[in-house]
């Protein structure tokens, strides 16, 4: 059987990708600070990840944050792709369609 992946988010402005067969950490996917943001800026607390969703093909993860942004990651490369903005409220749930 192939690798079974699970993902979990939280208050660290990141999500962790796990192999659920071994419970080995595969990657930490960090949500980048806004352009010009400094490590000491308080804005990182708004990147608390409230929701995650896998794309139907399993290649991407979308993460909904407290600040209303959605961050998209390439799973295989463990790479941030882009932010989607436009929501004014925290994103408590996400789904691909």
C-alpha atoms as a PDB file:
ATOM      1  CA  UNK A   1       0.000   0.000   0.000  1.00  0.00           C
ATOM      2  CA  UNK A   2       1.267   3.487  -0.844  1.00  0.00           C
ATOM      3  CA  UNK A   3       1.914   6.396   1.443  1.00  0.00           C
ATOM      4  CA  UNK A   4      -1.186   7.621   3.292  1.00  0.00           C
ATOM      5  CA  UNK A   5      -0.944  11.367   3.888  1.00  0.00           C
ATOM      6  CA  UNK A   6      -2.708  13.414   6.536  1.00  0.00           C
ATOM      7  CA  UNK A   7      -2.470  17.126   7.222  1.00  0.00           C
ATOM      8  CA  UNK A   8      -3.021  19.214  10.363  1.00  0.00           C
ATOM      9  CA  UNK A   9      -2.950  22.972  10.894  1.00  0.00           C
ATOM     10  CA  UNK A  10      -2.934  25.326  13.843  1.00  0.00           C
ATOM     11  CA  UNK A  11      -1.563  28.537  15.270  1.00  0.00           C
ATOM     12  CA  UNK A  12       1.968  28.392  13.914  1.00  0.00           C
ATOM     13  CA  UNK A  13       1.126  29.823  10.442  1.00  0.00           C
ATOM     14  CA  UNK A  14       1.873  26.393   9.035  1.00  0.00           C
ATOM     15  CA  UNK A  15       0.435  22.966   8.393  1.00  0.00           C
ATOM     16  CA  UNK A  16       2.154  19.654   8.971  1.00  0.00           C
ATOM     17  CA  UNK A  17       1.995  16.813   6.463  1.00  0.00           C
ATOM     18  CA  UNK A  18       2.185  13.304   7.956  1.00  0.00           C
ATOM     19  CA  UNK A  19       2.525   9.754   6.644  1.00  0.00           C
ATOM     20  CA  UNK A  20      -0.278   8.071   8.597  1.00  0.00           C
ATOM     21  CA  UNK A  21       1.119   4.564   8.051  1.00  0.00           C
ATOM     22  CA  UNK A  22       4.228   5.417  10.112  1.00  0.00           C
ATOM     23  CA  UNK A  23       3.149   8.750  11.666  1.00  0.00           C
ATOM     24  CA  UNK A  24       6.374  10.211  10.318  1.00  0.00           C
ATOM     25  CA  UNK A  25       6.411  13.961   9.653  1.00  0.00           C
ATOM     26  CA  UNK A  26       6.856  14.427   5.902  1.00  0.00           C
ATOM     27  CA  UNK A  27       6.925  18.234   5.707  1.00  0.00           C
ATOM     28  CA  UNK A  28       5.982  21.483   7.397  1.00  0.00           C
ATOM     29  CA  UNK A  29       4.271  23.824   4.946  1.00  0.00           C
ATOM     30  CA  UNK A  30       4.798  27.400   6.156  1.00  0.00           C
ATOM     31  CA  UNK A  31       2.459  30.194   5.148  1.00  0.00           C
ATOM     32  CA  UNK A  32       4.675  33.128   4.151  1.00  0.00           C
ATOM     33  CA  UNK A  33       4.373  36.505   5.863  1.00  0.00           C
ATOM     34  CA  UNK A  34       2.788  39.269   3.820  1.00  0.00           C
ATOM     35  CA  UNK A  35       5.207  41.129   1.578  1.00  0.00           C
ATOM     36  CA  UNK A  36       7.212  43.521   3.727  1.00  0.00           C
ATOM     37  CA  UNK A  37       6.173  41.766   6.945  1.00  0.00           C
ATOM     38  CA  UNK A  38       8.782  41.337   9.667  1.00  0.00           C
ATOM     39  CA  UNK A  39       9.184  38.348  11.996  1.00  0.00           C
ATOM     40  CA  UNK A  40       8.166  40.589  14.929  1.00  0.00           C
ATOM     41  CA  UNK A  41       4.905  41.739  13.291  1.00  0.00           C
ATOM     42  CA  UNK A  42       1.793  40.623  15.173  1.00  0.00           C
ATOM     43  CA  UNK A  43       0.087  39.748  11.857  1.00  0.00           C
ATOM     44  CA  UNK A  44       1.269  36.148  12.068  1.00  0.00           C
ATOM     45  CA  UNK A  45      -1.426  35.408  14.674  1.00  0.00           C
ATOM     46  CA  UNK A  46      -3.980  36.025  11.913  1.00  0.00           C
ATOM     47  CA  UNK A  47      -2.432  33.145   9.938  1.00  0.00           C
ATOM     48  CA  UNK A  48      -3.890  30.654  12.396  1.00  0.00           C
ATOM     49  CA  UNK A  49      -4.978  27.791  10.118  1.00  0.00           C
ATOM     50  CA  UNK A  50      -8.642  26.970  10.709  1.00  0.00           C
ATOM     51  CA  UNK A  51      -9.314  24.623   7.798  1.00  0.00           C
ATOM     52  CA  UNK A  52      -7.583  22.528   5.155  1.00  0.00           C
ATOM     53  CA  UNK A  53      -8.798  20.786   2.008  1.00  0.00           C
ATOM     54  CA  UNK A  54      -7.112  18.410  -0.435  1.00  0.00           C
ATOM     55  CA  UNK A  55      -7.598  18.979  -4.157  1.00  0.00           C
ATOM     56  CA  UNK A  56      -9.482  16.105  -5.842  1.00  0.00           C
ATOM     57  CA  UNK A  57      -6.262  14.901  -7.514  1.00  0.00           C
ATOM     58  CA  UNK A  58      -4.349  15.000  -4.191  1.00  0.00           C
ATOM     59  CA  UNK A  59      -1.672  17.320  -5.596  1.00  0.00           C
ATOM     60  CA  UNK A  60      -2.547  20.495  -3.693  1.00  0.00           C
ATOM     61  CA  UNK A  61      -3.698  21.595  -0.280  1.00  0.00           C
ATOM     62  CA  UNK A  62      -5.732  24.727   0.433  1.00  0.00           C
ATOM     63  CA  UNK A  63      -5.475  26.244   3.921  1.00  0.00           C
ATOM     64  CA  UNK A  64      -8.067  28.687   5.279  1.00  0.00           C
ATOM     65  CA  UNK A  65      -6.791  31.216   7.813  1.00  0.00           C
ATOM     66  CA  UNK A  66      -8.179  33.424  10.547  1.00  0.00           C
ATOM     67  CA  UNK A  67      -7.505  36.507   8.384  1.00  0.00           C
ATOM     68  CA  UNK A  68      -9.775  35.254   5.570  1.00  0.00           C
ATOM     69  CA  UNK A  69      -7.009  34.265   3.154  1.00  0.00           C
ATOM     70  CA  UNK A  70      -6.566  30.893   1.476  1.00  0.00           C
ATOM     71  CA  UNK A  71      -3.025  29.597   0.946  1.00  0.00           C
ATOM     72  CA  UNK A  72      -2.398  26.993  -1.764  1.00  0.00           C
ATOM     73  CA  UNK A  73       0.478  24.477  -1.560  1.00  0.00           C
ATOM     74  CA  UNK A  74       1.943  21.918  -3.966  1.00  0.00           C
ATOM     75  CA  UNK A  75       2.101  18.743  -1.849  1.00  0.00           C
ATOM     76  CA  UNK A  76       4.791  16.817  -3.790  1.00  0.00           C
ATOM     77  CA  UNK A  77       7.213  19.755  -3.695  1.00  0.00           C
ATOM     78  CA  UNK A  78       6.075  21.006  -0.254  1.00  0.00           C
ATOM     79  CA  UNK A  79       5.972  24.456  -1.836  1.00  0.00           C
ATOM     80  CA  UNK A  80       3.734  27.481  -1.278  1.00  0.00           C
ATOM     81  CA  UNK A  81       2.062  28.496  -4.551  1.00  0.00           C
ATOM     82  CA  UNK A  82      -0.137  31.525  -3.816  1.00  0.00           C
ATOM     83  CA  UNK A  83      -2.690  33.306  -1.624  1.00  0.00           C
ATOM     84  CA  UNK A  84      -6.342  33.805  -2.520  1.00  0.00           C
ATOM     85  CA  UNK A  85      -7.830  36.906  -0.910  1.00  0.00           C
ATOM     86  CA  UNK A  86     -11.312  38.361  -0.783  1.00  0.00           C
ATOM     87  CA  UNK A  87     -12.986  36.968   2.318  1.00  0.00           C
ATOM     88  CA  UNK A  88     -13.523  39.361   5.213  1.00  0.00           C
ATOM     89  CA  UNK A  89     -14.166  36.683   7.834  1.00  0.00           C
ATOM     90  CA  UNK A  90     -12.166  33.706   9.158  1.00  0.00           C
ATOM     91  CA  UNK A  91     -12.366  30.593   6.953  1.00  0.00           C
ATOM     92  CA  UNK A  92     -13.676  27.832   9.184  1.00  0.00           C
ATOM     93  CA  UNK A  93     -14.205  25.375   6.332  1.00  0.00           C
ATOM     94  CA  UNK A  94     -12.995  24.751   2.778  1.00  0.00           C
ATOM     95  CA  UNK A  95     -13.839  22.354  -0.017  1.00  0.00           C
ATOM     96  CA  UNK A  96     -12.558  21.851  -3.551  1.00  0.00           C
ATOM     97  CA  UNK A  97     -15.148  21.288  -6.253  1.00  0.00           C
END
